């Protein structure tokens, strides 16, 4: 009786991260943390996790805490609000506003 052919096993999925690695064969693997969902019930820590996942140019965690920005506040933020908070980088403001717009649609 012939042996069954070996079953090919898939390698485990890499854990989400924001790291880049280069394999021996010179392929580049970039994985990114999934963007967390924000609701009006989200905490300041949830907002900080979101901003971290958006890969902004600066760390705004101190600003989030100092200004009391939780999910309820973030869901109503405008680009003008972000300017008044001192978020001067256009790309960072755009990423934040687009993320909030996406949460409002879902």
Protein backbone atom coordinates (compact mmCIF):
# COMPACT_ATOMS: atom_id res chain seq x y z
CA UNK A 1 0.00 0.00 0.00
CA UNK A 2 1.62 3.29 -1.07
CA UNK A 3 2.22 6.06 1.43
CA UNK A 4 0.13 9.19 1.21
CA UNK A 5 1.98 12.19 -0.18
CA UNK A 6 3.15 14.63 2.47
CA UNK A 7 0.77 17.44 3.22
CA UNK A 8 2.28 20.83 2.51
CA UNK A 9 1.96 23.05 5.55
CA UNK A 10 1.62 26.81 5.19
CA UNK A 11 4.07 28.84 7.20
CA UNK A 12 2.45 30.70 10.09
CA UNK A 13 1.15 34.16 9.37
CA UNK A 14 3.49 36.88 10.65
CA UNK A 15 2.25 38.84 13.63
CA UNK A 16 1.11 42.36 12.73
CA UNK A 17 3.81 44.93 13.35
CA UNK A 18 5.34 47.98 11.78
CA UNK A 19 8.67 46.34 11.15
CA UNK A 20 10.44 45.78 7.87
CA UNK A 21 12.62 42.74 7.35
CA UNK A 22 14.80 41.56 4.50
CA UNK A 23 14.90 37.83 3.85
CA UNK A 24 18.00 35.95 2.71
CA UNK A 25 16.73 36.01 -0.86
CA UNK A 26 16.59 39.83 -0.68
CA UNK A 27 12.81 40.03 -0.64
CA UNK A 28 11.45 42.76 1.57
CA UNK A 29 8.56 42.07 3.91
CA UNK A 30 6.65 45.00 5.36
CA UNK A 31 3.82 44.33 7.75
CA UNK A 32 1.64 46.93 9.34
CA UNK A 33 -0.51 47.04 12.45
CA UNK A 34 -4.21 46.93 11.63
CA UNK A 35 -5.99 50.24 12.18
CA UNK A 36 -8.21 50.00 15.27
CA UNK A 37 -11.83 51.10 15.04
CA UNK A 38 -12.83 54.21 16.98
CA UNK A 39 -16.31 54.91 18.31
CA UNK A 40 -17.67 57.62 20.57
CA UNK A 41 -17.09 55.23 23.50
CA UNK A 42 -13.36 54.86 22.74
CA UNK A 43 -10.84 55.92 25.37
CA UNK A 44 -7.80 58.15 25.05
CA UNK A 45 -5.67 54.98 24.89
CA UNK A 46 -7.76 53.78 21.93
CA UNK A 47 -7.18 57.11 20.17
CA UNK A 48 -3.44 56.86 20.84
CA UNK A 49 -3.40 53.33 19.36
CA UNK A 50 -5.21 54.64 16.28
CA UNK A 51 -2.74 57.49 15.77
CA UNK A 52 0.15 55.07 16.17
CA UNK A 53 -1.34 52.71 13.56
CA UNK A 54 -1.74 55.61 11.09
CA UNK A 55 2.07 55.96 10.98
CA UNK A 56 2.09 59.72 11.45
CA UNK A 57 5.28 61.77 11.39
CA UNK A 58 5.07 62.62 15.11
CA UNK A 59 3.92 61.00 18.34
CA UNK A 60 0.78 62.83 19.44
CA UNK A 61 0.08 60.75 22.57
CA UNK A 62 0.99 63.60 24.95
CA UNK A 63 -1.31 65.94 23.01
CA UNK A 64 -4.18 63.43 23.18
CA UNK A 65 -3.79 63.18 26.95
CA UNK A 66 -3.26 66.91 27.54
CA UNK A 67 -6.29 67.89 25.47
CA UNK A 68 -8.56 65.08 26.66
CA UNK A 69 -9.16 63.64 23.18
CA UNK A 70 -11.23 60.49 23.48
CA UNK A 71 -13.44 58.78 20.90
CA UNK A 72 -16.30 61.23 21.32
CA UNK A 73 -14.03 64.22 20.71
CA UNK A 74 -12.13 62.59 17.85
CA UNK A 75 -15.34 61.69 16.02
CA UNK A 76 -16.23 65.39 15.78
CA UNK A 77 -12.77 66.77 15.01
CA UNK A 78 -12.23 68.86 11.88
CA UNK A 79 -9.05 69.70 10.04
CA UNK A 80 -9.27 73.22 11.49
CA UNK A 81 -9.45 71.72 14.99
CA UNK A 82 -6.28 69.76 14.29
CA UNK A 83 -4.50 72.95 13.17
CA UNK A 84 -5.57 74.72 16.35
CA UNK A 85 -4.25 71.77 18.38
CA UNK A 86 -0.83 72.28 16.78
CA UNK A 87 -0.84 69.39 14.31
CA UNK A 88 1.00 71.29 11.62
CA UNK A 89 1.91 68.47 9.24
CA UNK A 90 -0.67 68.41 6.43
CA UNK A 91 -0.29 64.68 5.79
CA UNK A 92 -0.87 63.83 9.46
CA UNK A 93 -4.04 65.95 9.54
CA UNK A 94 -5.31 64.33 6.34
CA UNK A 95 -4.74 60.80 7.66
CA UNK A 96 -6.58 61.59 10.89
CA UNK A 97 -9.54 63.25 9.15
CA UNK A 98 -9.86 60.41 6.60
CA UNK A 99 -9.77 57.80 9.35
CA UNK A 100 -12.52 59.63 11.26
CA UNK A 101 -14.62 59.92 8.08
CA UNK A 102 -14.23 56.18 7.55
CA UNK A 103 -15.46 55.44 11.08
CA UNK A 104 -18.51 57.65 10.55
CA UNK A 105 -19.47 55.70 7.41
CA UNK A 106 -19.31 52.31 9.13
